[in-house]
Amino acid sequence: MHISIRAEERFTFVVAFLRDDGWAFHEYTPDEFMQMSYIPPFKIFFNVPVGGDRVVMSRNGSGAVALSRRRLTMMSELFARFRGGER
């Protein structure tokens, strides 16, 4: 979505769906598409080893961001601001 904001005049979202008589396509501008979009609460993923060993999984080479108390607090505060109507 952020790319569409930088090139709004050249960007269109296309949604396709199948009807009885064939495919239908609806085009939306970035502004129109944002009106139909929402931001869900942040998701936190975890990997727990199965078995007797307590192992900390390596994140080297992945795009994952390690969770910390500070990051959890920051995420909670940001989402609270979103829910409060701040734009």
PDB file of N, CA and C in Angstrom:
ATOM      1  N   MET A   1       0.824  -1.195   0.000  1.00  0.00           N
ATOM      2  CA  MET A   1       0.000   0.000   0.000  1.00  0.00           C
ATOM      3  C   MET A   1       0.865   1.253   0.000  1.00  0.00           C
ATOM      4  N   HIS A   2       2.003   1.245   0.720  1.00  0.00           N
ATOM      5  CA  HIS A   2       2.798   2.469   0.809  1.00  0.00           C
ATOM      6  C   HIS A   2       3.346   2.900  -0.543  1.00  0.00           C
ATOM      7  N   ILE A   3       3.591   1.967  -1.458  1.00  0.00           N
ATOM      8  CA  ILE A   3       4.070   2.324  -2.791  1.00  0.00           C
ATOM      9  C   ILE A   3       2.979   3.077  -3.545  1.00  0.00           C
ATOM     10  N   SER A   4       1.728   2.673  -3.343  1.00  0.00           N
ATOM     11  CA  SER A   4       0.638   3.345  -4.045  1.00  0.00           C
ATOM     12  C   SER A   4       0.487   4.797  -3.610  1.00  0.00           C
ATOM     13  N   ILE A   5       0.862   5.117  -2.392  1.00  0.00           N
ATOM     14  CA  ILE A   5       0.766   6.497  -1.910  1.00  0.00           C
ATOM     15  C   ILE A   5       1.821   7.370  -2.578  1.00  0.00           C
ATOM     16  N   ARG A   6       2.988   6.798  -2.822  1.00  0.00           N
ATOM     17  CA  ARG A   6       4.066   7.575  -3.453  1.00  0.00           C
ATOM     18  C   ARG A   6       3.831   7.804  -4.939  1.00  0.00           C
ATOM     19  N   ALA A   7       3.043   6.959  -5.587  1.00  0.00           N
ATOM     20  CA  ALA A   7       2.768   7.096  -7.021  1.00  0.00           C
ATOM     21  C   ALA A   7       1.265   7.008  -7.249  1.00  0.00           C
ATOM     22  N   GLU A   8       0.523   7.744  -6.471  1.00  0.00           N
ATOM     23  CA  GLU A   8      -0.932   7.635  -6.458  1.00  0.00           C
ATOM     24  C   GLU A   8      -1.573   7.840  -7.825  1.00  0.00           C
ATOM     25  N   GLU A   9      -1.036   8.745  -8.604  1.00  0.00           N
ATOM     26  CA  GLU A   9      -1.633   9.047  -9.907  1.00  0.00           C
ATOM     27  C   GLU A   9      -1.463   7.902 -10.904  1.00  0.00           C
ATOM     28  N   ARG A  10      -0.558   6.969 -10.621  1.00  0.00           N
ATOM     29  CA  ARG A  10      -0.312   5.847 -11.543  1.00  0.00           C
ATOM     30  C   ARG A  10      -0.713   4.504 -10.953  1.00  0.00           C
ATOM     31  N   PHE A  11      -1.370   4.489  -9.819  1.00  0.00           N
ATOM     32  CA  PHE A  11      -1.613   3.234  -9.124  1.00  0.00           C
ATOM     33  C   PHE A  11      -3.106   2.976  -8.987  1.00  0.00           C
ATOM     34  N   THR A  12      -3.527   1.731  -9.247  1.00  0.00           N
ATOM     35  CA  THR A  12      -4.915   1.314  -9.096  1.00  0.00           C
ATOM     36  C   THR A  12      -4.942  -0.077  -8.475  1.00  0.00           C
ATOM     37  N   PHE A  13      -5.847  -0.283  -7.526  1.00  0.00           N
ATOM     38  CA  PHE A  13      -6.069  -1.611  -6.977  1.00  0.00           C
ATOM     39  C   PHE A  13      -7.180  -2.265  -7.795  1.00  0.00           C
ATOM     40  N   VAL A  14      -6.954  -3.487  -8.219  1.00  0.00           N
ATOM     41  CA  VAL A  14      -7.947  -4.211  -9.004  1.00  0.00           C
ATOM     42  C   VAL A  14      -8.368  -5.444  -8.214  1.00  0.00           C
ATOM     43  N   VAL A  15      -9.674  -5.575  -8.009  1.00  0.00           N
ATOM     44  CA  VAL A  15     -10.239  -6.731  -7.331  1.00  0.00           C
ATOM     45  C   VAL A  15     -11.047  -7.516  -8.366  1.00  0.00           C
ATOM     46  N   ALA A  16     -10.757  -8.801  -8.489  1.00  0.00           N
ATOM     47  CA  ALA A  16     -11.447  -9.653  -9.455  1.00  0.00           C
ATOM     48  C   ALA A  16     -12.262 -10.702  -8.709  1.00  0.00           C
ATOM     49  N   PHE A  17     -13.444 -10.970  -9.206  1.00  0.00           N
ATOM     50  CA  PHE A  17     -14.254 -12.030  -8.626  1.00  0.00           C
ATOM     51  C   PHE A  17     -15.053 -12.699  -9.735  1.00  0.00           C
ATOM     52  N   LEU A  18     -15.347 -13.966  -9.528  1.00  0.00           N
ATOM     53  CA  LEU A  18     -16.021 -14.779 -10.532  1.00  0.00           C
ATOM     54  C   LEU A  18     -17.527 -14.745 -10.299  1.00  0.00           C
ATOM     55  N   ARG A  19     -18.229 -14.401 -11.341  1.00  0.00           N
ATOM     56  CA  ARG A  19     -19.699 -14.417 -11.318  1.00  0.00           C
ATOM     57  C   ARG A  19     -20.161 -15.540 -12.238  1.00  0.00           C
ATOM     58  N   ASP A  20     -21.465 -15.752 -12.266  1.00  0.00           N
ATOM     59  CA  ASP A  20     -22.016 -16.807 -13.125  1.00  0.00           C
ATOM     60  C   ASP A  20     -21.639 -16.619 -14.588  1.00  0.00           C
ATOM     61  N   ASP A  21     -21.606 -15.373 -15.033  1.00  0.00           N
ATOM     62  CA  ASP A  21     -21.343 -15.101 -16.446  1.00  0.00           C
ATOM     63  C   ASP A  21     -19.879 -14.762 -16.730  1.00  0.00           C
ATOM     64  N   GLY A  22     -18.981 -14.972 -15.790  1.00  0.00           N
ATOM     65  CA  GLY A  22     -17.554 -14.719 -16.012  1.00  0.00           C
ATOM     66  C   GLY A  22     -16.958 -13.831 -14.943  1.00  0.00           C
ATOM     67  N   TRP A  23     -15.777 -13.366 -15.221  1.00  0.00           N
ATOM     68  CA  TRP A  23     -15.044 -12.540 -14.262  1.00  0.00           C
ATOM     69  C   TRP A  23     -15.532 -11.105 -14.282  1.00  0.00           C
ATOM     70  N   ALA A  24     -15.538 -10.496 -13.107  1.00  0.00           N
ATOM     71  CA  ALA A  24     -15.846  -9.070 -12.964  1.00  0.00           C
ATOM     72  C   ALA A  24     -14.645  -8.411 -12.288  1.00  0.00           C
ATOM     73  N   PHE A  25     -14.324  -7.209 -12.722  1.00  0.00           N
ATOM     74  CA  PHE A  25     -13.172  -6.491 -12.193  1.00  0.00           C
ATOM     75  C   PHE A  25     -13.618  -5.117 -11.703  1.00  0.00           C
ATOM     76  N   HIS A  26     -13.193  -4.763 -10.503  1.00  0.00           N
ATOM     77  CA  HIS A  26     -13.455  -3.431  -9.965  1.00  0.00           C
ATOM     78  C   HIS A  26     -12.122  -2.764  -9.690  1.00  0.00           C
ATOM     79  N   GLU A  27     -12.001  -1.533 -10.130  1.00  0.00           N
ATOM     80  CA  GLU A  27     -10.775  -0.764  -9.898  1.00  0.00           C
ATOM     81  C   GLU A  27     -11.031   0.271  -8.809  1.00  0.00           C
ATOM     82  N   TYR A  28     -10.004   0.465  -7.972  1.00  0.00           N
ATOM     83  CA  TYR A  28     -10.101   1.413  -6.866  1.00  0.00           C
ATOM     84  C   TYR A  28      -8.846   2.266  -6.802  1.00  0.00           C
ATOM     85  N   THR A  29      -9.023   3.534  -6.490  1.00  0.00           N
ATOM     86  CA  THR A  29      -7.873   4.400  -6.227  1.00  0.00           C
ATOM     87  C   THR A  29      -7.325   4.042  -4.846  1.00  0.00           C
ATOM     88  N   PRO A  30      -6.107   4.461  -4.526  1.00  0.00           N
ATOM     89  CA  PRO A  30      -5.597   4.214  -3.172  1.00  0.00           C
ATOM     90  C   PRO A  30      -6.521   4.764  -2.083  1.00  0.00           C
ATOM     91  N   ASP A  31      -7.090   5.952  -2.273  1.00  0.00           N
ATOM     92  CA  ASP A  31      -8.008   6.507  -1.272  1.00  0.00           C
ATOM     93  C   ASP A  31      -9.251   5.649  -1.101  1.00  0.00           C
ATOM     94  N   GLU A  32      -9.829   5.191  -2.212  1.00  0.00           N
ATOM     95  CA  GLU A  32     -11.010   4.336  -2.130  1.00  0.00           C
ATOM     96  C   GLU A  32     -10.677   3.019  -1.432  1.00  0.00           C
ATOM     97  N   PHE A  33      -9.509   2.460  -1.759  1.00  0.00           N
ATOM     98  CA  PHE A  33      -9.125   1.180  -1.177  1.00  0.00           C
ATOM     99  C   PHE A  33      -8.867   1.311   0.323  1.00  0.00           C
ATOM    100  N   MET A  34      -8.284   2.430   0.755  1.00  0.00           N
ATOM    101  CA  MET A  34      -8.047   2.644   2.183  1.00  0.00           C
ATOM    102  C   MET A  34      -9.357   2.728   2.956  1.00  0.00           C
ATOM    103  N   GLN A  35     -10.421   3.257   2.337  1.00  0.00           N
ATOM    104  CA  GLN A  35     -11.716   3.340   3.007  1.00  0.00           C
ATOM    105  C   GLN A  35     -12.287   1.956   3.314  1.00  0.00           C
ATOM    106  N   MET A  36     -11.853   0.945   2.562  1.00  0.00           N
ATOM    107  CA  MET A  36     -12.344  -0.419   2.765  1.00  0.00           C
ATOM    108  C   MET A  36     -11.326  -1.280   3.510  1.00  0.00           C
ATOM    109  N   SER A  37     -10.257  -0.683   3.998  1.00  0.00           N
ATOM    110  CA  SER A  37      -9.176  -1.427   4.639  1.00  0.00           C
ATOM    111  C   SER A  37      -9.149  -1.156   6.137  1.00  0.00           C
ATOM    112  N   TYR A  38      -8.487  -2.032   6.874  1.00  0.00           N
ATOM    113  CA  TYR A  38      -8.332  -1.829   8.308  1.00  0.00           C
ATOM    114  C   TYR A  38      -7.008  -2.414   8.756  1.00  0.00           C
ATOM    115  N   ILE A  39      -6.568  -2.011   9.923  1.00  0.00           N
ATOM    116  CA  ILE A  39      -5.333  -2.517  10.519  1.00  0.00           C
ATOM    117  C   ILE A  39      -5.729  -3.380  11.704  1.00  0.00           C
ATOM    118  N   PRO A  40      -5.466  -4.689  11.633  1.00  0.00           N
ATOM    119  CA  PRO A  40      -5.796  -5.543  12.773  1.00  0.00           C
ATOM    120  C   PRO A  40      -4.771  -5.351  13.885  1.00  0.00           C
ATOM    121  N   PRO A  41      -5.077  -5.838  15.088  1.00  0.00           N
ATOM    122  CA  PRO A  41      -4.054  -5.798  16.148  1.00  0.00           C
ATOM    123  C   PRO A  41      -2.793  -6.523  15.675  1.00  0.00           C
ATOM    124  N   PHE A  42      -1.663  -6.076  16.177  1.00  0.00           N
ATOM    125  CA  PHE A  42      -0.401  -6.700  15.801  1.00  0.00           C
ATOM    126  C   PHE A  42      -0.409  -8.180  16.168  1.00  0.00           C
ATOM    127  N   LYS A  43       0.221  -8.980  15.346  1.00  0.00           N
ATOM    128  CA  LYS A  43       0.357 -10.405  15.632  1.00  0.00           C
ATOM    129  C   LYS A  43       1.788 -10.662  16.089  1.00  0.00           C
ATOM    130  N   ILE A  44       1.907 -11.537  17.046  1.00  0.00           N
ATOM    131  CA  ILE A  44       3.229 -11.943  17.524  1.00  0.00           C
ATOM    132  C   ILE A  44       3.361 -13.435  17.270  1.00  0.00           C
ATOM    133  N   PHE A  45       4.370 -13.803  16.521  1.00  0.00           N
ATOM    134  CA  PHE A  45       4.605 -15.200  16.195  1.00  0.00           C
ATOM    135  C   PHE A  45       5.689 -15.753  17.107  1.00  0.00           C
ATOM    136  N   PHE A  46       5.607 -17.024  17.408  1.00  0.00           N
ATOM    137  CA  PHE A  46       6.609 -17.636  18.264  1.00  0.00           C
ATOM    138  C   PHE A  46       6.890 -19.051  17.785  1.00  0.00           C
ATOM    139  N   ASN A  47       8.085 -19.530  18.094  1.00  0.00           N
ATOM    140  CA  ASN A  47       8.501 -20.896  17.795  1.00  0.00           C
ATOM    141  C   ASN A  47       8.866 -21.562  19.108  1.00  0.00           C
ATOM    142  N   VAL A  48       8.137 -22.588  19.452  1.00  0.00           N
ATOM    143  CA  VAL A  48       8.411 -23.324  20.677  1.00  0.00           C
ATOM    144  C   VAL A  48       8.882 -24.714  20.264  1.00  0.00           C
ATOM    145  N   PRO A  49      10.066 -25.119  20.711  1.00  0.00           N
ATOM    146  CA  PRO A  49      10.545 -26.452  20.334  1.00  0.00           C
ATOM    147  C   PRO A  49       9.703 -27.541  20.985  1.00  0.00           C
ATOM    148  N   VAL A  50       9.484 -28.608  20.253  1.00  0.00           N
ATOM    149  CA  VAL A  50       8.737 -29.745  20.775  1.00  0.00           C
ATOM    150  C   VAL A  50       9.753 -30.768  21.263  1.00  0.00           C
ATOM    151  N   GLY A  51       9.622 -31.170  22.485  1.00  0.00           N
ATOM    152  CA  GLY A  51      10.573 -32.109  23.062  1.00  0.00           C
ATOM    153  C   GLY A  51      11.069 -31.600  24.395  1.00  0.00           C
ATOM    154  N   GLY A  52      12.091 -32.215  24.902  1.00  0.00           N
ATOM    155  CA  GLY A  52      12.577 -31.881  26.228  1.00  0.00           C
ATOM    156  C   GLY A  52      13.533 -30.715  26.287  1.00  0.00           C
ATOM    157  N   ASP A  53      14.122 -30.330  25.164  1.00  0.00           N
ATOM    158  CA  ASP A  53      15.132 -29.269  25.187  1.00  0.00           C
ATOM    159  C   ASP A  53      14.492 -27.894  25.127  1.00  0.00           C
ATOM    160  N   ARG A  54      15.055 -26.980  25.911  1.00  0.00           N
ATOM    161  CA  ARG A  54      14.645 -25.575  25.841  1.00  0.00           C
ATOM    162  C   ARG A  54      15.662 -24.870  24.976  1.00  0.00           C
ATOM    163  N   VAL A  55      15.272 -24.555  23.771  1.00  0.00           N
ATOM    164  CA  VAL A  55      16.190 -23.987  22.794  1.00  0.00           C
ATOM    165  C   VAL A  55      15.654 -22.642  22.336  1.00  0.00           C
ATOM    166  N   VAL A  56      16.528 -21.671  22.223  1.00  0.00           N
ATOM    167  CA  VAL A  56      16.165 -20.379  21.637  1.00  0.00           C
ATOM    168  C   VAL A  56      16.468 -20.469  20.148  1.00  0.00           C
ATOM    169  N   MET A  57      15.435 -20.297  19.342  1.00  0.00           N
ATOM    170  CA  MET A  57      15.582 -20.421  17.897  1.00  0.00           C
ATOM    171  C   MET A  57      16.340 -19.217  17.333  1.00  0.00           C
ATOM    172  N   SER A  58      17.226 -19.468  16.398  1.00  0.00           N
ATOM    173  CA  SER A  58      17.981 -18.402  15.758  1.00  0.00           C
ATOM    174  C   SER A  58      17.116 -17.707  14.713  1.00  0.00           C
ATOM    175  N   ARG A  59      17.231 -16.402  14.617  1.00  0.00           N
ATOM    176  CA  ARG A  59      16.519 -15.630  13.600  1.00  0.00           C
ATOM    177  C   ARG A  59      17.484 -15.115  12.545  1.00  0.00           C
ATOM    178  N   ASN A  60      18.720 -15.547  12.593  1.00  0.00           N
ATOM    179  CA  ASN A  60      19.711 -15.076  11.624  1.00  0.00           C
ATOM    180  C   ASN A  60      19.248 -15.339  10.201  1.00  0.00           C
ATOM    181  N   GLY A  61      19.357 -14.334   9.376  1.00  0.00           N
ATOM    182  CA  GLY A  61      18.993 -14.476   7.977  1.00  0.00           C
ATOM    183  C   GLY A  61      17.519 -14.278   7.672  1.00  0.00           C
ATOM    184  N   SER A  62      16.681 -14.179   8.678  1.00  0.00           N
ATOM    185  CA  SER A  62      15.259 -13.969   8.414  1.00  0.00           C
ATOM    186  C   SER A  62      14.941 -12.478   8.542  1.00  0.00           C
ATOM    187  N   GLY A  63      13.771 -12.113   8.093  1.00  0.00           N
ATOM    188  CA  GLY A  63      13.332 -10.729   8.220  1.00  0.00           C
ATOM    189  C   GLY A  63      12.612 -10.469   9.523  1.00  0.00           C
ATOM    190  N   ALA A  64      12.600 -11.463  10.407  1.00  0.00           N
ATOM    191  CA  ALA A  64      11.875 -11.337  11.670  1.00  0.00           C
ATOM    192  C   ALA A  64      12.547 -10.333  12.596  1.00  0.00           C
ATOM    193  N   VAL A  65      11.745  -9.680  13.394  1.00  0.00           N
ATOM    194  CA  VAL A  65      12.219  -8.745  14.408  1.00  0.00           C
ATOM    195  C   VAL A  65      12.003  -9.397  15.756  1.00  0.00           C
ATOM    196  N   ALA A  66      13.057  -9.474  16.554  1.00  0.00           N
ATOM    197  CA  ALA A  66      12.964 -10.112  17.869  1.00  0.00           C
ATOM    198  C   ALA A  66      12.045  -9.306  18.783  1.00  0.00           C
ATOM    199  N   LEU A  67      11.209 -10.006  19.532  1.00  0.00           N
ATOM    200  CA  LEU A  67      10.302  -9.364  20.475  1.00  0.00           C
ATOM    201  C   LEU A  67      11.059  -9.013  21.754  1.00  0.00           C
ATOM    202  N   SER A  68      10.790  -7.837  22.255  1.00  0.00           N
ATOM    203  CA  SER A  68      11.352  -7.406  23.535  1.00  0.00           C
ATOM    204  C   SER A  68      10.243  -6.673  24.288  1.00  0.00           C
ATOM    205  N   ARG A  69      10.462  -6.443  25.573  1.00  0.00           N
ATOM    206  CA  ARG A  69       9.461  -5.692  26.346  1.00  0.00           C
ATOM    207  C   ARG A  69       9.266  -4.300  25.766  1.00  0.00           C
ATOM    208  N   ARG A  70      10.356  -3.673  25.363  1.00  0.00           N
ATOM    209  CA  ARG A  70      10.277  -2.320  24.802  1.00  0.00           C
ATOM    210  C   ARG A  70       9.450  -2.317  23.516  1.00  0.00           C
ATOM    211  N   ARG A  71       9.714  -3.276  22.628  1.00  0.00           N
ATOM    212  CA  ARG A  71       8.960  -3.340  21.371  1.00  0.00           C
ATOM    213  C   ARG A  71       7.491  -3.669  21.616  1.00  0.00           C
ATOM    214  N   LEU A  72       7.222  -4.538  22.560  1.00  0.00           N
ATOM    215  CA  LEU A  72       5.842  -4.870  22.891  1.00  0.00           C
ATOM    216  C   LEU A  72       5.104  -3.636  23.409  1.00  0.00           C
ATOM    217  N   THR A  73       5.756  -2.867  24.247  1.00  0.00           N
ATOM    218  CA  THR A  73       5.163  -1.627  24.759  1.00  0.00           C
ATOM    219  C   THR A  73       4.925  -0.637  23.628  1.00  0.00           C
ATOM    220  N   MET A  74       5.908  -0.501  22.753  1.00  0.00           N
ATOM    221  CA  MET A  74       5.772   0.422  21.615  1.00  0.00           C
ATOM    222  C   MET A  74       4.603   0.015  20.714  1.00  0.00           C
ATOM    223  N   MET A  75       4.490  -1.283  20.437  1.00  0.00           N
ATOM    224  CA  MET A  75       3.398  -1.766  19.595  1.00  0.00           C
ATOM    225  C   MET A  75       2.050  -1.501  20.256  1.00  0.00           C
ATOM    226  N   SER A  76       1.956  -1.756  21.529  1.00  0.00           N
ATOM    227  CA  SER A  76       0.701  -1.536  22.256  1.00  0.00           C
ATOM    228  C   SER A  76       0.322  -0.063  22.246  1.00  0.00           C
ATOM    229  N   GLU A  77       1.286   0.811  22.464  1.00  0.00           N
ATOM    230  CA  GLU A  77       1.015   2.243  22.472  1.00  0.00           C
ATOM    231  C   GLU A  77       0.597   2.735  21.086  1.00  0.00           C
ATOM    232  N   LEU A  78       1.277   2.250  20.050  1.00  0.00           N
ATOM    233  CA  LEU A  78       0.934   2.663  18.688  1.00  0.00           C
ATOM    234  C   LEU A  78      -0.474   2.211  18.325  1.00  0.00           C
ATOM    235  N   PHE A  79      -0.807   0.967  18.633  1.00  0.00           N
ATOM    236  CA  PHE A  79      -2.143   0.481  18.302  1.00  0.00           C
ATOM    237  C   PHE A  79      -3.209   1.238  19.095  1.00  0.00           C
ATOM    238  N   ALA A  80      -2.925   1.583  20.327  1.00  0.00           N
ATOM    239  CA  ALA A  80      -3.863   2.378  21.128  1.00  0.00           C
ATOM    240  C   ALA A  80      -4.090   3.742  20.479  1.00  0.00           C
ATOM    241  N   ARG A  81      -3.032   4.328  19.936  1.00  0.00           N
ATOM    242  CA  ARG A  81      -3.173   5.615  19.223  1.00  0.00           C
ATOM    243  C   ARG A  81      -4.025   5.443  17.986  1.00  0.00           C
ATOM    244  N   PHE A  82      -3.814   4.344  17.236  1.00  0.00           N
ATOM    245  CA  PHE A  82      -4.642   4.078  16.050  1.00  0.00           C
ATOM    246  C   PHE A  82      -6.109   3.964  16.438  1.00  0.00           C
ATOM    247  N   ARG A  83      -6.389   3.218  17.486  1.00  0.00           N
ATOM    248  CA  ARG A  83      -7.777   2.984  17.910  1.00  0.00           C
ATOM    249  C   ARG A  83      -8.410   4.259  18.459  1.00  0.00           C
ATOM    250  N   GLY A  84      -7.585   5.168  18.957  1.00  0.00           N
ATOM    251  CA  GLY A  84      -8.100   6.412  19.512  1.00  0.00           C
ATOM    252  C   GLY A  84      -8.481   7.430  18.453  1.00  0.00           C
ATOM    253  N   GLY A  85      -8.262   7.098  17.196  1.00  0.00           N
ATOM    254  CA  GLY A  85      -8.664   7.998  16.125  1.00  0.00           C
ATOM    255  C   GLY A  85      -7.590   8.941  15.655  1.00  0.00           C
ATOM    256  N   GLU A  86      -6.391   8.831  16.198  1.00  0.00           N
ATOM    257  CA  GLU A  86      -5.313   9.700  15.740  1.00  0.00           C
ATOM    258  C   GLU A  86      -4.974   9.356  14.299  1.00  0.00           C
ATOM    259  N   ARG A  87      -4.753  10.376  13.478  1.00  0.00           N
ATOM    260  CA  ARG A  87      -4.452  10.139  12.059  1.00  0.00           C
ATOM    261  C   ARG A  87      -3.117  10.709  11.698  1.00  0.00           C
TER     262      ARG A  87
END
